[in-house]
Amino acid sequence: AVVQPSLLARLGAEVFGTFFLVLAIIGVALYTFVSQ
């Protein structure tokens, strides 16, 4: 039998991963005028 992580665990991982990705992209882009 193939046992996957629970849906709640998978959704939590997606929240974390998307948070990290967007934080990095927008966070760097937000202050490009300061950091050149």
Full PDB file with SEQRES, HELIX, SHEET, SSBOND, CRYST1, ORIGX, SCALE, CONECT and MASTER records, all heavy atoms in Angstrom:
SEQRES   1 A   36  ALA VAL VAL GLN PRO SER LEU LEU ALA ARG LEU GLY ALA          
SEQRES   2 A   36  GLU VAL PHE GLY THR PHE PHE LEU VAL LEU ALA ILE ILE          
SEQRES   3 A   36  GLY VAL ALA LEU TYR THR PHE VAL SER GLN                      
HELIX    1 AA1 LEU A    7  LEU A   30  1                                  24    
HELIX    2 AA2 THR A   32  SER A   35  1                                   4    
CRYST1    1.000    1.000    1.000  90.00  90.00  90.00 P 1           1          
ORIGX1      1.000000  0.000000  0.000000        0.00000                         
ORIGX2      0.000000  1.000000  0.000000        0.00000                         
ORIGX3      0.000000  0.000000  1.000000        0.00000                         
SCALE1      1.000000  0.000000  0.000000        0.00000                         
SCALE2      0.000000  1.000000  0.000000        0.00000                         
SCALE3      0.000000  0.000000  1.000000        0.00000                         
ATOM      1  N   ALA A   1       0.861  -1.185   0.000  1.00  0.00           N  
ATOM      2  CA  ALA A   1       0.000   0.000   0.000  1.00  0.00           C  
ATOM      3  C   ALA A   1       0.892   1.227   0.000  1.00  0.00           C  
ATOM      4  O   ALA A   1       1.912   1.254   0.684  1.00  0.00           O  
ATOM      5  CB  ALA A   1      -0.909   0.010   1.226  1.00  0.00           C  
ATOM      6  N   VAL A   2       0.531   2.225  -0.793  1.00  0.00           N  
ATOM      7  CA  VAL A   2       1.305   3.454  -0.887  1.00  0.00           C  
ATOM      8  C   VAL A   2       0.658   4.512  -0.001  1.00  0.00           C  
ATOM      9  O   VAL A   2      -0.502   4.863  -0.183  1.00  0.00           O  
ATOM     10  CB  VAL A   2       1.385   3.941  -2.340  1.00  0.00           C  
ATOM     11  CG1 VAL A   2       2.174   5.240  -2.421  1.00  0.00           C  
ATOM     12  CG2 VAL A   2       2.020   2.879  -3.218  1.00  0.00           C  
ATOM     13  N   VAL A   3       1.411   4.992   0.963  1.00  0.00           N  
ATOM     14  CA  VAL A   3       0.891   5.944   1.937  1.00  0.00           C  
ATOM     15  C   VAL A   3       1.498   7.324   1.672  1.00  0.00           C  
ATOM     16  O   VAL A   3       2.706   7.498   1.765  1.00  0.00           O  
ATOM     17  CB  VAL A   3       1.222   5.506   3.377  1.00  0.00           C  
ATOM     18  CG1 VAL A   3       0.617   6.476   4.375  1.00  0.00           C  
ATOM     19  CG2 VAL A   3       0.713   4.092   3.622  1.00  0.00           C  
ATOM     20  N   GLN A   4       0.677   8.286   1.302  1.00  0.00           N  
ATOM     21  CA  GLN A   4       1.122   9.658   1.091  1.00  0.00           C  
ATOM     22  C   GLN A   4       1.018  10.459   2.386  1.00  0.00           C  
ATOM     23  O   GLN A   4       0.269  10.096   3.286  1.00  0.00           O  
ATOM     24  CB  GLN A   4       0.248  10.351   0.038  1.00  0.00           C  
ATOM     25  CG  GLN A   4       0.584  10.014  -1.397  1.00  0.00           C  
ATOM     26  CD  GLN A   4      -0.182  10.921  -2.344  1.00  0.00           C  
ATOM     27  OE1 GLN A   4      -1.345  11.225  -2.095  1.00  0.00           O  
ATOM     28  NE2 GLN A   4       0.451  11.340  -3.402  1.00  0.00           N  
ATOM     29  N   PRO A   5       1.781  11.568   2.468  1.00  0.00           N  
ATOM     30  CA  PRO A   5       1.541  12.477   3.584  1.00  0.00           C  
ATOM     31  C   PRO A   5       0.097  12.970   3.542  1.00  0.00           C  
ATOM     32  O   PRO A   5      -0.520  13.006   2.473  1.00  0.00           O  
ATOM     33  CB  PRO A   5       2.532  13.625   3.316  1.00  0.00           C  
ATOM     34  CG  PRO A   5       3.601  13.015   2.475  1.00  0.00           C  
ATOM     35  CD  PRO A   5       2.919  11.994   1.626  1.00  0.00           C  
ATOM     36  N   SER A   6      -0.430  13.363   4.671  1.00  0.00           N  
ATOM     37  CA  SER A   6      -1.812  13.828   4.718  1.00  0.00           C  
ATOM     38  C   SER A   6      -1.975  15.088   3.884  1.00  0.00           C  
ATOM     39  O   SER A   6      -1.010  15.809   3.601  1.00  0.00           O  
ATOM     40  CB  SER A   6      -2.211  14.114   6.165  1.00  0.00           C  
ATOM     41  OG  SER A   6      -1.500  15.245   6.658  1.00  0.00           O  
ATOM     42  N   LEU A   7      -3.222  15.356   3.487  1.00  0.00           N  
ATOM     43  CA  LEU A   7      -3.494  16.559   2.699  1.00  0.00           C  
ATOM     44  C   LEU A   7      -3.089  17.806   3.471  1.00  0.00           C  
ATOM     45  O   LEU A   7      -2.533  18.753   2.902  1.00  0.00           O  
ATOM     46  CB  LEU A   7      -4.981  16.624   2.336  1.00  0.00           C  
ATOM     47  CG  LEU A   7      -5.419  17.861   1.544  1.00  0.00           C  
ATOM     48  CD1 LEU A   7      -4.679  17.952   0.213  1.00  0.00           C  
ATOM     49  CD2 LEU A   7      -6.928  17.859   1.331  1.00  0.00           C  
ATOM     50  N   LEU A   8      -3.342  17.816   4.786  1.00  0.00           N  
ATOM     51  CA  LEU A   8      -2.971  18.976   5.599  1.00  0.00           C  
ATOM     52  C   LEU A   8      -1.464  19.203   5.577  1.00  0.00           C  
ATOM     53  O   LEU A   8      -0.991  20.342   5.453  1.00  0.00           O  
ATOM     54  CB  LEU A   8      -3.454  18.781   7.038  1.00  0.00           C  
ATOM     55  CG  LEU A   8      -3.227  19.968   7.990  1.00  0.00           C  
ATOM     56  CD1 LEU A   8      -3.970  21.202   7.481  1.00  0.00           C  
ATOM     57  CD2 LEU A   8      -3.696  19.615   9.396  1.00  0.00           C  
ATOM     58  N   ALA A   9      -0.693  18.127   5.647  1.00  0.00           N  
ATOM     59  CA  ALA A   9       0.763  18.257   5.604  1.00  0.00           C  
ATOM     60  C   ALA A   9       1.217  18.778   4.256  1.00  0.00           C  
ATOM     61  O   ALA A   9       2.111  19.633   4.164  1.00  0.00           O  
ATOM     62  CB  ALA A   9       1.412  16.902   5.894  1.00  0.00           C  
ATOM     63  N   ARG A  10       0.610  18.285   3.188  1.00  0.00           N  
ATOM     64  CA  ARG A  10       0.997  18.733   1.852  1.00  0.00           C  
ATOM     65  C   ARG A  10       0.633  20.194   1.621  1.00  0.00           C  
ATOM     66  O   ARG A  10       1.404  20.956   1.025  1.00  0.00           O  
ATOM     67  CB  ARG A  10       0.340  17.842   0.799  1.00  0.00           C  
ATOM     68  CG  ARG A  10       0.994  16.467   0.705  1.00  0.00           C  
ATOM     69  CD  ARG A  10       0.346  15.615  -0.366  1.00  0.00           C  
ATOM     70  NE  ARG A  10      -0.902  15.037   0.098  1.00  0.00           N  
ATOM     71  CZ  ARG A  10      -1.999  14.912  -0.646  1.00  0.00           C  
ATOM     72  NH1 ARG A  10      -2.009  15.362  -1.884  1.00  0.00           N  
ATOM     73  NH2 ARG A  10      -3.072  14.347  -0.156  1.00  0.00           N  
ATOM     74  N   LEU A  11      -0.524  20.605   2.110  1.00  0.00           N  
ATOM     75  CA  LEU A  11      -0.918  22.009   1.967  1.00  0.00           C  
ATOM     76  C   LEU A  11      -0.004  22.915   2.787  1.00  0.00           C  
ATOM     77  O   LEU A  11       0.350  24.015   2.345  1.00  0.00           O  
ATOM     78  CB  LEU A  11      -2.379  22.189   2.385  1.00  0.00           C  
ATOM     79  CG  LEU A  11      -3.424  21.471   1.525  1.00  0.00           C  
ATOM     80  CD1 LEU A  11      -4.826  21.796   2.008  1.00  0.00           C  
ATOM     81  CD2 LEU A  11      -3.269  21.834   0.060  1.00  0.00           C  
ATOM     82  N   GLY A  12       0.370  22.458   3.980  1.00  0.00           N  
ATOM     83  CA  GLY A  12       1.311  23.233   4.787  1.00  0.00           C  
ATOM     84  C   GLY A  12       2.645  23.412   4.086  1.00  0.00           C  
ATOM     85  O   GLY A  12       3.253  24.489   4.123  1.00  0.00           O  
ATOM     86  N   ALA A  13       3.103  22.353   3.409  1.00  0.00           N  
ATOM     87  CA  ALA A  13       4.353  22.441   2.660  1.00  0.00           C  
ATOM     88  C   ALA A  13       4.236  23.415   1.504  1.00  0.00           C  
ATOM     89  O   ALA A  13       5.173  24.167   1.206  1.00  0.00           O  
ATOM     90  CB  ALA A  13       4.750  21.053   2.153  1.00  0.00           C  
ATOM     91  N   GLU A  14       3.084  23.435   0.855  1.00  0.00           N  
ATOM     92  CA  GLU A  14       2.879  24.367  -0.261  1.00  0.00           C  
ATOM     93  C   GLU A  14       2.813  25.814   0.223  1.00  0.00           C  
ATOM     94  O   GLU A  14       3.326  26.721  -0.438  1.00  0.00           O  
ATOM     95  CB  GLU A  14       1.602  24.005  -1.019  1.00  0.00           C  
ATOM     96  CG  GLU A  14       1.740  22.786  -1.896  1.00  0.00           C  
ATOM     97  CD  GLU A  14       2.750  22.980  -3.011  1.00  0.00           C  
ATOM     98  OE1 GLU A  14       2.571  23.899  -3.839  1.00  0.00           O  
ATOM     99  OE2 GLU A  14       3.740  22.224  -3.054  1.00  0.00           O  
ATOM    100  N   VAL A  15       2.181  26.040   1.367  1.00  0.00           N  
ATOM    101  CA  VAL A  15       2.156  27.394   1.941  1.00  0.00           C  
ATOM    102  C   VAL A  15       3.577  27.855   2.232  1.00  0.00           C  
ATOM    103  O   VAL A  15       3.980  28.973   1.868  1.00  0.00           O  
ATOM    104  CB  VAL A  15       1.302  27.430   3.229  1.00  0.00           C  
ATOM    105  CG1 VAL A  15       1.480  28.770   3.942  1.00  0.00           C  
ATOM    106  CG2 VAL A  15      -0.176  27.213   2.896  1.00  0.00           C  
ATOM    107  N   PHE A  16       4.352  26.996   2.883  1.00  0.00           N  
ATOM    108  CA  PHE A  16       5.722  27.354   3.222  1.00  0.00           C  
ATOM    109  C   PHE A  16       6.561  27.608   1.982  1.00  0.00           C  
ATOM    110  O   PHE A  16       7.276  28.620   1.879  1.00  0.00           O  
ATOM    111  CB  PHE A  16       6.362  26.242   4.055  1.00  0.00           C  
ATOM    112  CG  PHE A  16       7.855  26.393   4.202  1.00  0.00           C  
ATOM    113  CD1 PHE A  16       8.395  27.310   5.095  1.00  0.00           C  
ATOM    114  CD2 PHE A  16       8.727  25.642   3.421  1.00  0.00           C  
ATOM    115  CE1 PHE A  16       9.769  27.472   5.211  1.00  0.00           C  
ATOM    116  CE2 PHE A  16      10.098  25.792   3.537  1.00  0.00           C  
ATOM    117  CZ  PHE A  16      10.620  26.717   4.426  1.00  0.00           C  
ATOM    118  N   GLY A  17       6.516  26.691   1.020  1.00  0.00           N  
ATOM    119  CA  GLY A  17       7.343  26.822  -0.173  1.00  0.00           C  
ATOM    120  C   GLY A  17       7.000  28.051  -0.989  1.00  0.00           C  
ATOM    121  O   GLY A  17       7.894  28.754  -1.482  1.00  0.00           O  
ATOM    122  N   THR A  18       5.698  28.332  -1.152  1.00  0.00           N  
ATOM    123  CA  THR A  18       5.288  29.514  -1.918  1.00  0.00           C  
ATOM    124  C   THR A  18       5.638  30.790  -1.169  1.00  0.00           C  
ATOM    125  O   THR A  18       6.052  31.794  -1.769  1.00  0.00           O  
ATOM    126  CB  THR A  18       3.781  29.468  -2.210  1.00  0.00           C  
ATOM    127  OG1 THR A  18       3.432  28.182  -2.739  1.00  0.00           O  
ATOM    128  CG2 THR A  18       3.397  30.538  -3.215  1.00  0.00           C  
ATOM    129  N   PHE A  19       5.471  30.767   0.146  1.00  0.00           N  
ATOM    130  CA  PHE A  19       5.866  31.917   0.977  1.00  0.00           C  
ATOM    131  C   PHE A  19       7.354  32.233   0.767  1.00  0.00           C  
ATOM    132  O   PHE A  19       7.735  33.385   0.536  1.00  0.00           O  
ATOM    133  CB  PHE A  19       5.592  31.602   2.443  1.00  0.00           C  
ATOM    134  CG  PHE A  19       6.113  32.634   3.406  1.00  0.00           C  
ATOM    135  CD1 PHE A  19       5.355  33.743   3.739  1.00  0.00           C  
ATOM    136  CD2 PHE A  19       7.372  32.490   3.989  1.00  0.00           C  
ATOM    137  CE1 PHE A  19       5.834  34.704   4.619  1.00  0.00           C  
ATOM    138  CE2 PHE A  19       7.860  33.436   4.870  1.00  0.00           C  
ATOM    139  CZ  PHE A  19       7.086  34.553   5.180  1.00  0.00           C  
ATOM    140  N   PHE A  20       8.183  31.220   0.841  1.00  0.00           N  
ATOM    141  CA  PHE A  20       9.623  31.393   0.687  1.00  0.00           C  
ATOM    142  C   PHE A  20       9.962  31.938  -0.699  1.00  0.00           C  
ATOM    143  O   PHE A  20      10.742  32.884  -0.854  1.00  0.00           O  
ATOM    144  CB  PHE A  20      10.311  30.044   0.927  1.00  0.00           C  
ATOM    145  CG  PHE A  20      11.808  30.090   0.928  1.00  0.00           C  
ATOM    146  CD1 PHE A  20      12.512  31.290   0.990  1.00  0.00           C  
ATOM    147  CD2 PHE A  20      12.526  28.905   0.860  1.00  0.00           C  
ATOM    148  CE1 PHE A  20      13.900  31.313   0.994  1.00  0.00           C  
ATOM    149  CE2 PHE A  20      13.910  28.916   0.860  1.00  0.00           C  
ATOM    150  CZ  PHE A  20      14.597  30.128   0.927  1.00  0.00           C  
ATOM    151  N   LEU A  21       9.362  31.352  -1.732  1.00  0.00           N  
ATOM    152  CA  LEU A  21       9.643  31.759  -3.105  1.00  0.00           C  
ATOM    153  C   LEU A  21       9.244  33.207  -3.359  1.00  0.00           C  
ATOM    154  O   LEU A  21      10.024  33.996  -3.908  1.00  0.00           O  
ATOM    155  CB  LEU A  21       8.899  30.827  -4.070  1.00  0.00           C  
ATOM    156  CG  LEU A  21       9.034  31.133  -5.555  1.00  0.00           C  
ATOM    157  CD1 LEU A  21      10.486  31.012  -6.005  1.00  0.00           C  
ATOM    158  CD2 LEU A  21       8.136  30.191  -6.371  1.00  0.00           C  
ATOM    159  N   VAL A  22       8.038  33.575  -2.960  1.00  0.00           N  
ATOM    160  CA  VAL A  22       7.544  34.931  -3.192  1.00  0.00           C  
ATOM    161  C   VAL A  22       8.294  35.940  -2.328  1.00  0.00           C  
ATOM    162  O   VAL A  22       8.601  37.058  -2.765  1.00  0.00           O  
ATOM    163  CB  VAL A  22       6.024  34.999  -2.937  1.00  0.00           C  
ATOM    164  CG1 VAL A  22       5.512  36.436  -3.031  1.00  0.00           C  
ATOM    165  CG2 VAL A  22       5.294  34.106  -3.945  1.00  0.00           C  
ATOM    166  N   LEU A  23       8.612  35.557  -1.098  1.00  0.00           N  
ATOM    167  CA  LEU A  23       9.386  36.435  -0.223  1.00  0.00           C  
ATOM    168  C   LEU A  23      10.728  36.781  -0.864  1.00  0.00           C  
ATOM    169  O   LEU A  23      11.167  37.938  -0.828  1.00  0.00           O  
ATOM    170  CB  LEU A  23       9.611  35.757   1.124  1.00  0.00           C  
ATOM    171  CG  LEU A  23      10.314  36.592   2.202  1.00  0.00           C  
ATOM    172  CD1 LEU A  23       9.364  37.646   2.760  1.00  0.00           C  
ATOM    173  CD2 LEU A  23      10.814  35.684   3.334  1.00  0.00           C  
ATOM    174  N   ALA A  24      11.374  35.789  -1.469  1.00  0.00           N  
ATOM    175  CA  ALA A  24      12.684  36.022  -2.085  1.00  0.00           C  
ATOM    176  C   ALA A  24      12.574  36.899  -3.321  1.00  0.00           C  
ATOM    177  O   ALA A  24      13.329  37.875  -3.481  1.00  0.00           O  
ATOM    178  CB  ALA A  24      13.323  34.681  -2.442  1.00  0.00           C  
ATOM    179  N   ILE A  25      11.631  36.590  -4.209  1.00  0.00           N  
ATOM    180  CA  ILE A  25      11.531  37.329  -5.473  1.00  0.00           C  
ATOM    181  C   ILE A  25      11.091  38.771  -5.242  1.00  0.00           C  
ATOM    182  O   ILE A  25      11.748  39.721  -5.683  1.00  0.00           O  
ATOM    183  CB  ILE A  25      10.552  36.614  -6.425  1.00  0.00           C  
ATOM    184  CG1 ILE A  25      11.135  35.275  -6.866  1.00  0.00           C  
ATOM    185  CG2 ILE A  25      10.261  37.492  -7.641  1.00  0.00           C  
ATOM    186  CD1 ILE A  25      10.192  34.438  -7.723  1.00  0.00           C  
ATOM    187  N   ILE A  26       9.980  38.946  -4.543  1.00  0.00           N  
ATOM    188  CA  ILE A  26       9.472  40.308  -4.332  1.00  0.00           C  
ATOM    189  C   ILE A  26      10.359  41.064  -3.346  1.00  0.00           C  
ATOM    190  O   ILE A  26      10.574  42.272  -3.483  1.00  0.00           O  
ATOM    191  CB  ILE A  26       8.012  40.273  -3.844  1.00  0.00           C  
ATOM    192  CG1 ILE A  26       7.125  39.600  -4.902  1.00  0.00           C  
ATOM    193  CG2 ILE A  26       7.506  41.680  -3.547  1.00  0.00           C  
ATOM    194  CD1 ILE A  26       5.663  39.536  -4.515  1.00  0.00           C  
ATOM    195  N   GLY A  27      10.883  40.347  -2.356  1.00  0.00           N  
ATOM    196  CA  GLY A  27      11.737  41.009  -1.370  1.00  0.00           C  
ATOM    197  C   GLY A  27      12.977  41.617  -1.989  1.00  0.00           C  
ATOM    198  O   GLY A  27      13.379  42.739  -1.638  1.00  0.00           O  
ATOM    199  N   VAL A  28      13.601  40.911  -2.923  1.00  0.00           N  
ATOM    200  CA  VAL A  28      14.777  41.460  -3.607  1.00  0.00           C  
ATOM    201  C   VAL A  28      14.359  42.576  -4.562  1.00  0.00           C  
ATOM    202  O   VAL A  28      15.001  43.632  -4.631  1.00  0.00           O  
ATOM    203  CB  VAL A  28      15.530  40.351  -4.358  1.00  0.00           C  
ATOM    204  CG1 VAL A  28      16.635  40.938  -5.231  1.00  0.00           C  
ATOM    205  CG2 VAL A  28      16.123  39.342  -3.374  1.00  0.00           C  
ATOM    206  N   ALA A  29      13.263  42.350  -5.304  1.00  0.00           N  
ATOM    207  CA  ALA A  29      12.814  43.353  -6.278  1.00  0.00           C  
ATOM    208  C   ALA A  29      12.348  44.641  -5.612  1.00  0.00           C  
ATOM    209  O   ALA A  29      12.473  45.729  -6.184  1.00  0.00           O  
ATOM    210  CB  ALA A  29      11.679  42.772  -7.120  1.00  0.00           C  
ATOM    211  N   LEU A  30      11.843  44.546  -4.397  1.00  0.00           N  
ATOM    212  CA  LEU A  30      11.253  45.696  -3.722  1.00  0.00           C  
ATOM    213  C   LEU A  30      12.277  46.786  -3.440  1.00  0.00           C  
ATOM    214  O   LEU A  30      11.960  47.976  -3.485  1.00  0.00           O  
ATOM    215  CB  LEU A  30      10.600  45.235  -2.413  1.00  0.00           C  
ATOM    216  CG  LEU A  30       9.723  46.230  -1.664  1.00  0.00           C  
ATOM    217  CD1 LEU A  30       8.506  46.614  -2.490  1.00  0.00           C  
ATOM    218  CD2 LEU A  30       9.279  45.620  -0.336  1.00  0.00           C  
ATOM    219  N   TYR A  31      13.510  46.387  -3.164  1.00  0.00           N  
ATOM    220  CA  TYR A  31      14.521  47.372  -2.750  1.00  0.00           C  
ATOM    221  C   TYR A  31      15.693  47.459  -3.726  1.00  0.00           C  
ATOM    222  O   TYR A  31      16.798  47.821  -3.344  1.00  0.00           O  
ATOM    223  CB  TYR A  31      15.038  47.016  -1.350  1.00  0.00           C  
ATOM    224  CG  TYR A  31      13.968  47.109  -0.284  1.00  0.00           C  
ATOM    225  CD1 TYR A  31      13.451  45.952   0.299  1.00  0.00           C  
ATOM    226  CD2 TYR A  31      13.460  48.342   0.113  1.00  0.00           C  
ATOM    227  CE1 TYR A  31      12.462  46.034   1.264  1.00  0.00           C  
ATOM    228  CE2 TYR A  31      12.463  48.430   1.070  1.00  0.00           C  
ATOM    229  CZ  TYR A  31      11.972  47.267   1.643  1.00  0.00           C  
ATOM    230  OH  TYR A  31      10.986  47.349   2.598  1.00  0.00           O  
ATOM    231  N   THR A  32      15.443  47.125  -4.991  1.00  0.00           N  
ATOM    232  CA  THR A  32      16.527  47.219  -5.972  1.00  0.00           C  
ATOM    233  C   THR A  32      17.028  48.648  -6.125  1.00  0.00           C  
ATOM    234  O   THR A  32      18.196  48.879  -6.422  1.00  0.00           O  
ATOM    235  CB  THR A  32      16.066  46.699  -7.342  1.00  0.00           C  
ATOM    236  OG1 THR A  32      14.857  47.369  -7.716  1.00  0.00           O  
ATOM    237  CG2 THR A  32      15.844  45.210  -7.322  1.00  0.00           C  
ATOM    238  N   PHE A  33      16.155  49.623  -5.923  1.00  0.00           N  
ATOM    239  CA  PHE A  33      16.577  51.030  -6.060  1.00  0.00           C  
ATOM    240  C   PHE A  33      17.514  51.445  -4.927  1.00  0.00           C  
ATOM    241  O   PHE A  33      18.265  52.411  -5.049  1.00  0.00           O  
ATOM    242  CB  PHE A  33      15.354  51.957  -6.089  1.00  0.00           C  
ATOM    243  CG  PHE A  33      14.576  51.984  -4.805  1.00  0.00           C  
ATOM    244  CD1 PHE A  33      14.837  52.928  -3.832  1.00  0.00           C  
ATOM    245  CD2 PHE A  33      13.569  51.055  -4.571  1.00  0.00           C  
ATOM    246  CE1 PHE A  33      14.116  52.965  -2.649  1.00  0.00           C  
ATOM    247  CE2 PHE A  33      12.844  51.081  -3.389  1.00  0.00           C  
ATOM    248  CZ  PHE A  33      13.122  52.034  -2.427  1.00  0.00           C  
ATOM    249  N   VAL A  34      17.466  50.695  -3.825  1.00  0.00           N  
ATOM    250  CA  VAL A  34      18.354  50.995  -2.695  1.00  0.00           C  
ATOM    251  C   VAL A  34      19.677  50.257  -2.840  1.00  0.00           C  
ATOM    252  O   VAL A  34      20.760  50.831  -2.693  1.00  0.00           O  
ATOM    253  CB  VAL A  34      17.682  50.611  -1.357  1.00  0.00           C  
ATOM    254  CG1 VAL A  34      18.656  50.814  -0.197  1.00  0.00           C  
ATOM    255  CG2 VAL A  34      16.420  51.446  -1.142  1.00  0.00           C  
ATOM    256  N   SER A  35      19.595  48.970  -3.166  1.00  0.00           N  
ATOM    257  CA  SER A  35      20.795  48.136  -3.214  1.00  0.00           C  
ATOM    258  C   SER A  35      21.498  48.158  -4.560  1.00  0.00           C  
ATOM    259  O   SER A  35      22.569  47.572  -4.714  1.00  0.00           O  
ATOM    260  CB  SER A  35      20.421  46.686  -2.881  1.00  0.00           C  
ATOM    261  OG  SER A  35      19.452  46.206  -3.801  1.00  0.00           O  
ATOM    262  N   GLN A  36      20.876  48.822  -5.540  1.00  0.00           N  
ATOM    263  CA  GLN A  36      21.429  48.884  -6.896  1.00  0.00           C  
ATOM    264  C   GLN A  36      21.573  47.487  -7.510  1.00  0.00           C  
ATOM    265  O   GLN A  36      22.436  47.252  -8.347  1.00  0.00           O  
ATOM    266  CB  GLN A  36      22.794  49.597  -6.891  1.00  0.00           C  
ATOM    267  CG  GLN A  36      22.748  51.033  -6.401  1.00  0.00           C  
ATOM    268  CD  GLN A  36      21.803  51.903  -7.224  1.00  0.00           C  
ATOM    269  OE1 GLN A  36      21.880  51.927  -8.440  1.00  0.00           O  
ATOM    270  NE2 GLN A  36      20.905  52.612  -6.548  1.00  0.00           N  
TER     271      GLN A  36                                                      
MASTER        0    0    0    2    0    0    0    6  270    1    0    3          
END                                                                             
